[in-house]
Amino acid sequence: MTTVRHLNGLRVLAAFCSSILLLAAPVNANEELPAEVQAVLAHRNIPDDRVSMQVHNLTQRKTILAFNADVARNPASTMKLLTTLVALDTLGPTFTWNTEVFLLGELRDGMLHGDILLKGYGDPYLVTERLWQLQRQLRALGVNHIDGNLLLDDSWFEQGDYDPGAFDREPLRAYNVAPNALMTNYKVLRYQFTPAGDKVNISHEPPLTNVAIVNRLRVAPGACRGYQRGIRIDADDDNGRFEFSGKFPAGCRKYSMDRAALDHNAYTYGLFKSLWSESGGSITGTYRNARAPTDVEPDLVFESLPLADVITKVNKHSNNVMARQLLLTLAAELRGPPGTEAEGRAIIEDWLQTRGMDFPELKLANGAGLSRDARITARHLTALLSYGFANRYMPEFIASLPLSGMDGTLSKRLDSARLRGMAHMKTGSLDHVSAIGGYTQARSGDRFSVVVLINYTNVHRGIGDEVQEALLNWVQDH
């Protein structure tokens, strides 16, 4: 009972503080854009009514700029600020995901006579090296060979019908990969293209044995430029056979691209078998979907990286599928499996309400910002950032954001002498959408939250970056 009362007390306090911030936001706020920002907008012919901005002095607890702050706009990947903060605040920075391993047979002299089963609980970062580490732990149990099949249980999340080409008709793009409770390596292959005479050598990592490559690429004179360097990719219905054709520029010493392959479980089987074989093991069977036994304990439980590390990978590199994994994790962990997007959205809406933040315009979509329908206002993103700044996990949250001019999506942006290392900002970009939201420190030592949302034709082609930089330079003088 004491714990419940304590939690309720924290919620009331948080709601009170958030309400005060929301009420105070418009006070003394300048509704006219700074001259340097106006100059960029005029030069780039961006209408004022397509721009929303809010700058809040967190040190003095007052808003110094609020321009079209109550207009709902598409925030692109700045929506990840909401998803990651809710996950951090709800699950805690040390939360981990488990991947369970069951040995369904007799183990004799290094040979498992039977099947091996993996059950996933949504680990967003079960990449190649992590799966290799899982296999090392499996080896420590004495398993060297598997005379059976690989069984895969991904029932912790709802599968549903998902069209990876629905967003932009690019079904092989890594950002369009669907979430999955047993996702490995984001279901992505990295292709390397290297010219060799009049031909092009193609390799891919990881080297999955169940992926077939047909190479019809030829080298042609020219500089190393052009969309996909002239490479055309055609995939079969199962995304297991890829034909590469076109003319590759001779000016390219090498070129790489990431593309999705197979379905989730076929990919996991291919990766598991490839890594297992590389280390001298063998598996005689194939794979199939199955359910883990409920009457026995797993033989191995492989723990993920902590949530604080995961949200850093989500925000710094704007990883869409990892953000979607977080949304489904919230659903499965707090309301029971299978996790669904709808339940994840409901949890976030409840979280906002219990903290006194009413966002009636919010359209969360998939929680990653990869949506034409997502909406939020600059004022409400500002309220969210204020809550994050006052949160007990503030250091972990701020550290998860790209650092201006130094890493993540800002490694080559905001790198002037005035701005380099001065801001932790989440970027967002879609066709005709440019956004940024996060924290910066001014020359005065005061700390500010800054939000910029622009929805206008071609603003994603670097124009929005100029506006953001102009505003952050203005904040530096406050």
Protein backbone atom coordinates (compact mmCIF):
# COMPACT_ATOMS: atom_id res chain seq x y z
CA MET A 1 0.00 0.00 0.00
CA THR A 2 2.86 2.37 0.80
CA THR A 3 4.30 1.85 -2.69
CA VAL A 4 0.95 2.56 -4.35
CA ARG A 5 0.49 5.76 -2.32
CA HIS A 6 4.03 6.84 -3.13
CA LEU A 7 3.50 6.28 -6.86
CA ASN A 8 0.17 8.11 -6.77
CA GLY A 9 1.85 11.00 -4.98
CA LEU A 10 4.55 11.18 -7.64
CA ARG A 11 1.90 11.21 -10.36
CA VAL A 12 -0.02 14.03 -8.71
CA LEU A 13 3.18 16.06 -8.28
CA ALA A 14 4.23 15.40 -11.89
CA ALA A 15 0.78 16.37 -13.12
CA PHE A 16 0.87 19.57 -11.06
CA CYS A 17 4.34 20.55 -12.33
CA SER A 18 3.42 19.78 -15.94
CA SER A 19 0.22 21.80 -15.67
CA ILE A 20 2.16 24.80 -14.33
CA LEU A 21 4.60 24.54 -17.25
CA LEU A 22 1.77 24.38 -19.75
CA LEU A 23 -0.01 27.36 -18.21
CA ALA A 24 3.17 29.41 -18.01
CA ALA A 25 4.34 28.72 -21.53
CA PRO A 26 2.64 31.67 -23.31
CA VAL A 27 3.61 34.27 -20.68
CA ASN A 28 6.06 36.92 -21.99
CA ALA A 29 6.60 34.86 -25.13
CA ASN A 30 7.68 36.68 -28.27
CA GLU A 31 5.26 35.87 -31.10
CA GLU A 32 7.49 37.50 -33.72
CA LEU A 33 10.26 35.48 -35.29
CA PRO A 34 13.88 36.60 -34.79
CA ALA A 35 15.21 38.67 -37.69
CA GLU A 36 17.83 36.08 -38.65
CA VAL A 37 15.15 33.39 -38.86
CA GLN A 38 12.86 35.65 -40.89
CA ALA A 39 15.73 36.29 -43.30
CA VAL A 40 16.23 32.58 -43.98
CA LEU A 41 12.50 32.00 -44.46
CA ALA A 42 12.23 34.94 -46.85
CA HIS A 43 15.32 33.88 -48.81
CA ARG A 44 13.94 30.33 -49.18
CA ASN A 45 10.37 31.50 -49.86
CA ILE A 46 8.89 29.55 -46.93
CA PRO A 47 5.56 31.03 -45.79
CA ASP A 48 5.39 31.89 -42.09
CA ASP A 49 2.18 29.90 -41.67
CA ARG A 50 4.03 26.67 -42.48
CA VAL A 51 6.43 27.13 -39.56
CA SER A 52 6.00 26.44 -35.84
CA MET A 53 8.63 27.24 -33.21
CA GLN A 54 8.89 27.39 -29.46
CA VAL A 55 11.88 28.24 -27.27
CA HIS A 56 11.58 27.77 -23.52
CA ASN A 57 14.15 28.90 -20.95
CA LEU A 58 14.35 25.89 -18.65
CA THR A 59 16.59 27.68 -16.17
CA GLN A 60 14.24 30.62 -15.67
CA ARG A 61 11.07 28.64 -16.48
CA LYS A 62 9.73 31.03 -19.10
CA THR A 63 9.01 30.83 -22.81
CA ILE A 64 10.86 33.43 -24.89
CA LEU A 65 9.45 32.49 -28.31
CA ALA A 66 6.17 30.89 -29.34
CA PHE A 67 5.34 31.15 -33.03
CA ASN A 68 2.37 29.18 -34.42
CA ALA A 69 3.02 26.94 -31.43
CA ASP A 70 -0.53 25.56 -31.32
CA VAL A 71 -0.69 24.41 -34.94
CA ALA A 72 -0.59 20.62 -35.29
CA ARG A 73 2.13 19.56 -37.74
CA ASN A 74 3.89 16.42 -38.87
CA PRO A 75 6.94 16.10 -36.58
CA ALA A 76 8.70 13.31 -38.51
CA SER A 77 11.22 11.53 -36.25
CA THR A 78 11.00 14.06 -33.42
CA MET A 79 8.00 11.91 -32.43
CA LYS A 80 10.60 9.48 -31.08
CA LEU A 81 11.10 11.95 -28.21
CA LEU A 82 7.68 10.95 -26.90
CA THR A 83 8.07 7.20 -27.40
CA THR A 84 11.53 6.99 -25.86
CA LEU A 85 10.69 9.23 -22.90
CA VAL A 86 7.60 7.21 -22.03
CA ALA A 87 9.58 3.97 -22.28
CA LEU A 88 12.34 5.38 -20.09
CA ASP A 89 9.96 6.84 -17.50
CA THR A 90 7.75 3.73 -17.40
CA LEU A 91 10.16 0.82 -17.70
CA GLY A 92 13.27 2.48 -16.22
CA PRO A 93 16.80 2.80 -17.64
CA THR A 94 17.88 -0.68 -16.51
CA PHE A 95 14.97 -2.55 -18.12
CA THR A 96 16.14 -5.41 -20.34
CA TRP A 97 14.59 -7.79 -22.84
CA ASN A 98 15.18 -11.55 -22.65
CA THR A 99 15.64 -14.05 -25.44
CA GLU A 100 14.98 -17.57 -24.20
CA VAL A 101 16.56 -20.75 -25.53
CA PHE A 102 15.03 -24.20 -25.04
CA LEU A 103 16.86 -27.45 -25.83
CA LEU A 104 14.07 -29.81 -26.89
CA GLY A 105 15.97 -33.07 -26.98
CA GLU A 106 18.77 -35.05 -25.39
CA LEU A 107 22.26 -33.55 -25.27
CA ARG A 108 25.00 -36.16 -25.62
CA ASP A 109 28.68 -35.57 -26.39
CA GLY A 110 28.07 -32.09 -27.81
CA MET A 111 25.17 -33.21 -30.01
CA LEU A 112 21.62 -32.04 -29.34
CA HIS A 113 19.35 -34.82 -30.57
CA GLY A 114 16.25 -32.75 -31.14
CA ASP A 115 15.14 -29.22 -31.87
CA ILE A 116 16.32 -25.93 -30.43
CA LEU A 117 13.77 -23.17 -29.79
CA LEU A 118 14.28 -19.42 -29.48
CA LYS A 119 11.59 -17.24 -27.92
CA GLY A 120 11.87 -13.49 -28.39
CA TYR A 121 10.49 -10.76 -26.18
CA GLY A 122 11.14 -7.83 -28.50
CA ASP A 123 14.85 -7.10 -28.04
CA PRO A 124 15.36 -4.15 -30.43
CA TYR A 125 19.12 -4.72 -30.65
CA LEU A 126 19.64 -8.44 -31.25
CA VAL A 127 22.17 -7.67 -33.96
CA THR A 128 24.80 -10.00 -35.43
CA GLU A 129 27.37 -9.62 -32.66
CA ARG A 130 24.71 -10.04 -29.97
CA LEU A 131 23.39 -13.24 -31.55
CA TRP A 132 27.00 -14.46 -31.72
CA GLN A 133 27.28 -13.81 -27.99
CA LEU A 134 24.08 -15.78 -27.40
CA GLN A 135 25.59 -18.68 -29.34
CA ARG A 136 28.77 -18.50 -27.24
CA GLN A 137 26.63 -18.97 -24.14
CA LEU A 138 24.91 -21.88 -25.87
CA ARG A 139 28.33 -23.43 -26.55
CA ALA A 140 29.11 -23.08 -22.86
CA LEU A 141 26.18 -25.44 -22.18
CA GLY A 142 27.99 -28.06 -24.26
CA VAL A 143 26.04 -27.73 -27.50
CA ASN A 144 28.18 -28.01 -30.62
CA HIS A 145 25.87 -29.71 -33.11
CA ILE A 146 22.09 -29.70 -33.51
CA ASP A 147 20.42 -32.73 -35.08
CA GLY A 148 17.07 -31.06 -35.53
CA ASN A 149 15.32 -27.83 -36.45
CA LEU A 150 15.45 -24.24 -35.27
CA LEU A 151 12.04 -23.38 -33.82
CA LEU A 152 11.14 -19.70 -33.51
CA ASP A 153 8.54 -18.16 -31.19
CA ASP A 154 7.78 -14.52 -32.02
CA SER A 155 4.31 -14.48 -30.43
CA TRP A 156 5.11 -11.76 -27.86
CA PHE A 157 4.13 -9.16 -30.47
CA GLU A 158 1.10 -9.31 -32.74
CA GLN A 159 2.16 -10.09 -36.30
CA GLY A 160 -0.75 -8.56 -38.20
CA ASP A 161 -0.72 -7.63 -41.87
CA TYR A 162 2.09 -5.25 -42.72
CA ASP A 163 2.92 -3.85 -46.13
CA PRO A 164 6.55 -2.61 -46.10
CA GLY A 165 5.92 -0.66 -49.30
CA ALA A 166 2.86 1.21 -48.05
CA PHE A 167 4.76 4.27 -46.81
CA ASP A 168 6.76 5.13 -49.92
CA ARG A 169 6.68 2.10 -52.25
CA GLU A 170 10.21 1.16 -51.10
CA PRO A 171 9.64 -2.24 -49.42
CA LEU A 172 13.36 -3.10 -49.23
CA ARG A 173 14.40 0.05 -47.38
CA ALA A 174 15.70 -0.61 -43.87
CA TYR A 175 13.45 2.05 -42.33
CA ASN A 176 10.36 0.18 -43.58
CA VAL A 177 11.13 -3.07 -41.71
CA ALA A 178 8.25 -4.20 -39.50
CA PRO A 179 8.74 -4.81 -35.77
CA ASN A 180 8.97 -8.41 -34.58
CA ALA A 181 9.41 -10.04 -31.18
CA LEU A 182 12.36 -12.08 -32.52
CA MET A 183 13.92 -9.49 -34.82
CA THR A 184 17.60 -10.03 -35.57
CA ASN A 185 19.94 -7.49 -37.12
CA TYR A 186 16.93 -5.35 -38.13
CA LYS A 187 16.33 -7.94 -40.91
CA VAL A 188 18.83 -6.03 -43.04
CA LEU A 189 21.77 -6.93 -45.27
CA ARG A 190 24.60 -4.52 -46.05
CA TYR A 191 25.74 -4.92 -49.66
CA GLN A 192 29.24 -3.90 -50.74
CA PHE A 193 29.89 -3.12 -54.42
CA THR A 194 33.46 -3.04 -55.71
CA PRO A 195 34.41 -2.60 -59.40
CA ALA A 196 36.71 -5.27 -60.86
CA GLY A 197 37.50 -4.63 -64.51
CA ASP A 198 34.24 -4.36 -66.40
CA LYS A 199 32.36 -6.26 -63.69
CA VAL A 200 31.27 -5.44 -60.13
CA ASN A 201 31.91 -7.71 -57.18
CA ILE A 202 29.01 -7.93 -54.72
CA SER A 203 29.30 -9.15 -51.16
CA HIS A 204 26.86 -8.89 -48.29
CA GLU A 205 27.09 -8.89 -44.53
CA PRO A 206 25.99 -11.00 -42.79
CA PRO A 207 26.55 -13.77 -45.39
CA LEU A 208 23.21 -15.58 -45.13
CA THR A 209 23.15 -18.94 -46.91
CA ASN A 210 19.43 -18.65 -47.68
CA VAL A 211 19.86 -15.46 -49.74
CA ALA A 212 20.67 -15.79 -53.45
CA ILE A 213 22.37 -13.04 -55.47
CA VAL A 214 22.21 -12.69 -59.26
CA ASN A 215 24.81 -10.19 -60.44
CA ARG A 216 24.19 -8.49 -63.78
CA LEU A 217 25.97 -5.24 -62.92
CA ARG A 218 28.50 -3.77 -65.32
CA VAL A 219 31.00 -0.97 -64.91
CA ALA A 220 30.51 2.15 -67.03
CA PRO A 221 32.56 5.37 -67.33
CA GLY A 222 31.47 8.15 -65.02
CA ALA A 223 31.84 9.87 -61.68
CA CYS A 224 30.66 8.19 -58.48
CA ARG A 225 27.20 9.72 -58.25
CA GLY A 226 23.58 9.15 -59.14
CA TYR A 227 20.68 7.43 -57.38
CA GLN A 228 21.93 4.12 -55.93
CA ARG A 229 24.96 4.63 -58.22
CA GLY A 230 22.91 3.29 -61.12
CA ILE A 231 22.12 0.01 -59.35
CA ARG A 232 18.72 -1.57 -59.86
CA ILE A 233 17.48 -4.22 -57.41
CA ASP A 234 14.75 -6.72 -58.21
CA ALA A 235 13.57 -9.15 -55.55
CA ASP A 236 11.39 -12.25 -55.72
CA ASP A 237 8.18 -12.52 -53.72
CA ASP A 238 9.99 -13.93 -50.65
CA ASN A 239 12.81 -11.38 -50.72
CA GLY A 240 15.26 -14.25 -50.77
CA ARG A 241 16.59 -13.85 -54.32
CA PHE A 242 17.94 -10.51 -55.50
CA GLU A 243 18.98 -9.53 -59.01
CA PHE A 244 21.30 -6.55 -59.39
CA SER A 245 21.55 -4.86 -62.75
CA GLY A 246 22.52 -1.52 -64.26
CA LYS A 247 25.69 0.44 -64.91
CA PHE A 248 27.98 1.11 -61.98
CA PRO A 249 30.20 4.23 -62.28
CA ALA A 250 33.89 3.48 -62.73
CA GLY A 251 34.61 6.46 -60.47
CA CYS A 252 33.34 4.54 -57.43
CA ARG A 253 36.08 2.67 -55.60
CA LYS A 254 33.37 1.04 -53.49
CA TYR A 255 29.77 1.63 -52.53
CA SER A 256 27.47 0.16 -49.89
CA MET A 257 23.75 0.07 -49.21
CA ASP A 258 21.49 -1.50 -46.59
CA ARG A 259 18.37 -3.36 -47.71
CA ALA A 260 15.86 -5.67 -46.04
CA ALA A 261 15.78 -9.37 -46.88
CA LEU A 262 13.53 -12.39 -46.32
CA ASP A 263 10.84 -12.44 -43.65
CA HIS A 264 11.78 -12.13 -40.00
CA ASN A 265 12.00 -15.82 -39.12
CA ALA A 266 13.73 -16.84 -42.36
CA TYR A 267 16.28 -14.11 -41.70
CA THR A 268 16.83 -15.24 -38.11
CA TYR A 269 17.30 -18.83 -39.23
CA GLY A 270 19.79 -17.78 -41.92
CA LEU A 271 21.75 -15.62 -39.48
CA PHE A 272 21.72 -18.25 -36.73
CA LYS A 273 22.91 -20.97 -39.12
CA SER A 274 25.59 -18.77 -40.68
CA LEU A 275 27.10 -17.77 -37.33
CA TRP A 276 26.78 -21.29 -35.93
CA SER A 277 28.55 -22.78 -38.96
CA GLU A 278 31.33 -20.16 -38.89
CA SER A 279 32.23 -21.28 -35.38
CA GLY A 280 32.35 -24.96 -36.37
CA GLY A 281 28.84 -26.00 -35.41
CA SER A 282 26.17 -27.65 -37.51
CA ILE A 283 22.40 -27.80 -37.66
CA THR A 284 20.79 -30.47 -39.83
CA GLY A 285 17.23 -29.18 -40.04
CA THR A 286 15.44 -26.08 -41.22
CA TYR A 287 13.17 -23.71 -39.28
CA ARG A 288 9.52 -23.30 -38.44
CA ASN A 289 7.31 -21.17 -36.23
CA ALA A 290 6.42 -22.72 -32.88
CA ARG A 291 5.36 -21.86 -29.34
CA ALA A 292 7.72 -22.22 -26.42
CA PRO A 293 6.79 -24.81 -23.79
CA THR A 294 5.09 -23.37 -20.73
CA ASP A 295 5.82 -26.24 -18.36
CA VAL A 296 9.63 -26.07 -18.36
CA GLU A 297 12.22 -23.40 -17.70
CA PRO A 298 14.43 -22.23 -20.58
CA ASP A 299 17.92 -23.70 -20.72
CA LEU A 300 19.38 -20.28 -21.45
CA VAL A 301 18.16 -16.72 -20.96
CA PHE A 302 20.08 -14.13 -22.97
CA GLU A 303 19.71 -10.59 -21.66
CA SER A 304 19.65 -7.51 -23.89
CA LEU A 305 21.41 -4.21 -23.48
CA PRO A 306 19.67 -1.96 -20.92
CA LEU A 307 16.95 0.39 -22.10
CA ALA A 308 19.13 3.48 -21.54
CA ASP A 309 21.58 2.13 -24.15
CA VAL A 310 18.76 1.16 -26.51
CA ILE A 311 17.07 4.58 -26.56
CA THR A 312 20.47 6.11 -27.33
CA LYS A 313 20.65 3.97 -30.47
CA VAL A 314 17.05 4.90 -31.30
CA ASN A 315 17.48 8.66 -30.96
CA LYS A 316 21.04 9.26 -32.08
CA HIS A 317 20.58 7.29 -35.30
CA SER A 318 16.81 7.76 -35.64
CA ASN A 319 16.19 4.03 -35.91
CA ASN A 320 12.54 3.55 -36.89
CA VAL A 321 12.11 -0.17 -36.32
CA MET A 322 13.72 0.07 -32.87
CA ALA A 323 11.27 2.85 -31.92
CA ARG A 324 8.40 0.67 -33.09
CA GLN A 325 9.78 -2.19 -30.99
CA LEU A 326 9.59 0.13 -27.97
CA LEU A 327 5.92 0.90 -28.63
CA LEU A 328 5.01 -2.79 -28.82
CA THR A 329 7.18 -3.54 -25.78
CA LEU A 330 5.18 -1.04 -23.74
CA ALA A 331 2.00 -2.77 -24.85
CA ALA A 332 3.18 -6.33 -24.13
CA GLU A 333 4.87 -5.51 -20.82
CA LEU A 334 2.10 -3.34 -19.36
CA ARG A 335 -1.04 -4.90 -20.82
CA GLY A 336 0.07 -8.41 -21.66
CA PRO A 337 0.99 -10.13 -24.92
CA PRO A 338 0.67 -9.92 -27.78
CA GLY A 339 1.85 -6.32 -27.95
CA THR A 340 0.01 -4.19 -30.49
CA GLU A 341 0.40 -0.66 -31.85
CA ALA A 342 -3.08 0.26 -30.65
CA GLU A 343 -2.30 -0.80 -27.08
CA GLY A 344 1.04 1.01 -27.22
CA ARG A 345 -0.67 4.22 -28.31
CA ALA A 346 -3.23 3.85 -25.52
CA ILE A 347 -0.47 3.47 -22.94
CA ILE A 348 1.25 6.64 -24.12
CA GLU A 349 -2.02 8.57 -24.11
CA ASP A 350 -2.70 7.36 -20.53
CA TRP A 351 0.85 8.35 -19.54
CA LEU A 352 0.28 11.88 -20.81
CA GLN A 353 -3.07 12.19 -19.05
CA THR A 354 -1.75 11.04 -15.66
CA ARG A 355 0.98 13.67 -15.90
CA GLY A 356 -1.36 16.52 -16.69
CA MET A 357 -0.44 16.72 -20.36
CA ASP A 358 -3.49 16.81 -22.60
CA PHE A 359 -2.48 16.62 -26.26
CA PRO A 360 -5.85 16.48 -28.11
CA GLU A 361 -4.21 16.93 -31.53
CA LEU A 362 -1.72 14.08 -31.02
CA LYS A 363 -1.60 11.42 -33.70
CA LEU A 364 1.14 9.04 -32.62
CA ALA A 365 0.80 6.52 -35.49
CA ASN A 366 3.61 3.95 -35.07
CA GLY A 367 5.60 5.93 -32.48
CA ALA A 368 8.59 6.38 -34.81
CA GLY A 369 7.43 9.40 -36.82
CA LEU A 370 7.59 7.40 -40.06
CA SER A 371 4.08 8.41 -41.03
CA ARG A 372 2.27 10.96 -43.17
CA ASP A 373 -0.48 11.15 -40.54
CA ALA A 374 1.53 11.81 -37.35
CA ARG A 375 0.75 15.17 -35.71
CA ILE A 376 1.75 17.19 -32.65
CA THR A 377 2.16 20.89 -31.82
CA ALA A 378 5.36 22.72 -30.97
CA ARG A 379 3.85 23.72 -27.64
CA HIS A 380 3.18 20.14 -26.65
CA LEU A 381 6.62 18.95 -27.74
CA THR A 382 7.95 21.75 -25.54
CA ALA A 383 5.85 20.52 -22.61
CA LEU A 384 7.24 17.03 -23.18
CA LEU A 385 10.81 18.33 -23.19
CA SER A 386 10.13 20.27 -19.97
CA TYR A 387 8.90 17.09 -18.34
CA GLY A 388 11.95 15.22 -19.58
CA PHE A 389 14.25 17.90 -18.18
CA ALA A 390 12.64 17.61 -14.73
CA ASN A 391 12.47 13.81 -14.84
CA ARG A 392 14.54 11.61 -12.54
CA TYR A 393 16.06 10.00 -15.64
CA MET A 394 16.89 13.33 -17.26
CA PRO A 395 20.62 12.51 -17.73
CA GLU A 396 19.84 9.30 -19.60
CA PHE A 397 17.19 10.97 -21.74
CA ILE A 398 19.29 13.96 -22.78
CA ALA A 399 22.36 11.79 -23.41
CA SER A 400 20.33 9.69 -25.84
CA LEU A 401 19.96 12.65 -28.23
CA PRO A 402 22.45 13.52 -31.00
CA LEU A 403 25.12 16.00 -29.93
CA SER A 404 25.45 18.97 -32.29
CA GLY A 405 28.32 18.61 -34.75
CA MET A 406 29.60 15.48 -33.04
CA ASP A 407 27.53 12.30 -33.39
CA GLY A 408 24.42 10.58 -34.70
CA THR A 409 22.26 12.45 -37.17
CA LEU A 410 24.03 15.69 -36.17
CA SER A 411 27.58 14.45 -36.78
CA LYS A 412 27.88 16.78 -39.79
CA ARG A 413 25.38 19.43 -38.79
CA LEU A 414 25.35 22.37 -36.37
CA ASP A 415 29.14 22.07 -36.29
CA SER A 416 30.05 25.77 -36.22
CA ALA A 417 32.25 27.06 -33.42
CA ARG A 418 29.16 28.53 -31.73
CA LEU A 419 27.02 25.39 -31.84
CA ARG A 420 29.35 22.40 -31.82
CA GLY A 421 28.73 20.37 -28.67
CA MET A 422 26.21 22.91 -27.34
CA ALA A 423 22.96 21.10 -28.17
CA HIS A 424 21.36 17.69 -27.75
CA MET A 425 18.68 17.64 -30.46
CA LYS A 426 16.46 14.99 -32.05
CA THR A 427 16.16 15.55 -35.78
CA GLY A 428 13.25 14.67 -38.04
CA SER A 429 12.97 14.59 -41.81
CA LEU A 430 10.42 13.27 -44.29
CA ASP A 431 9.56 14.49 -47.76
CA HIS A 432 8.39 18.08 -47.22
CA VAL A 433 8.91 17.87 -43.45
CA SER A 434 11.82 19.22 -41.42
CA ALA A 435 11.84 19.17 -37.63
CA ILE A 436 14.11 19.36 -34.62
CA GLY A 437 13.52 19.24 -30.88
CA GLY A 438 15.75 19.07 -27.85
CA TYR A 439 17.99 21.02 -25.53
CA THR A 440 20.72 23.63 -25.85
CA GLN A 441 22.85 25.76 -23.57
CA ALA A 442 23.26 29.48 -24.29
CA ARG A 443 26.37 31.57 -23.72
CA SER A 444 24.71 32.89 -20.55
CA GLY A 445 24.74 29.38 -19.11
CA ASP A 446 20.94 29.09 -19.21
CA ARG A 447 19.49 25.91 -20.69
CA PHE A 448 16.69 25.99 -23.22
CA SER A 449 14.36 23.60 -24.99
CA VAL A 450 13.97 24.33 -28.69
CA VAL A 451 11.33 22.98 -31.09
CA VAL A 452 11.06 23.69 -34.82
CA LEU A 453 8.39 22.08 -37.03
CA ILE A 454 8.20 23.01 -40.73
CA ASN A 455 5.83 21.37 -43.20
CA TYR A 456 6.40 22.81 -46.67
CA THR A 457 7.38 21.73 -50.17
CA ASN A 458 11.00 20.53 -50.41
CA VAL A 459 11.87 21.87 -46.95
CA HIS A 460 13.58 18.52 -46.27
CA ARG A 461 16.25 19.27 -48.88
CA GLY A 462 18.49 21.19 -46.50
CA ILE A 463 16.29 24.28 -46.29
CA GLY A 464 14.89 23.32 -42.90
CA ASP A 465 18.42 22.79 -41.59
CA GLU A 466 19.22 26.43 -42.33
CA VAL A 467 16.17 27.61 -40.40
CA GLN A 468 17.04 25.43 -37.42
CA GLU A 469 20.62 26.67 -37.34
CA ALA A 470 19.50 30.31 -37.50
CA LEU A 471 17.19 29.80 -34.53
CA LEU A 472 19.80 27.96 -32.46
CA ASN A 473 22.33 30.73 -33.15
CA TRP A 474 19.75 33.24 -31.91
CA VAL A 475 19.21 31.21 -28.72
CA GLN A 476 22.96 31.28 -28.08
CA ASP A 477 22.75 35.00 -27.34
CA HIS A 478 20.16 34.59 -24.57
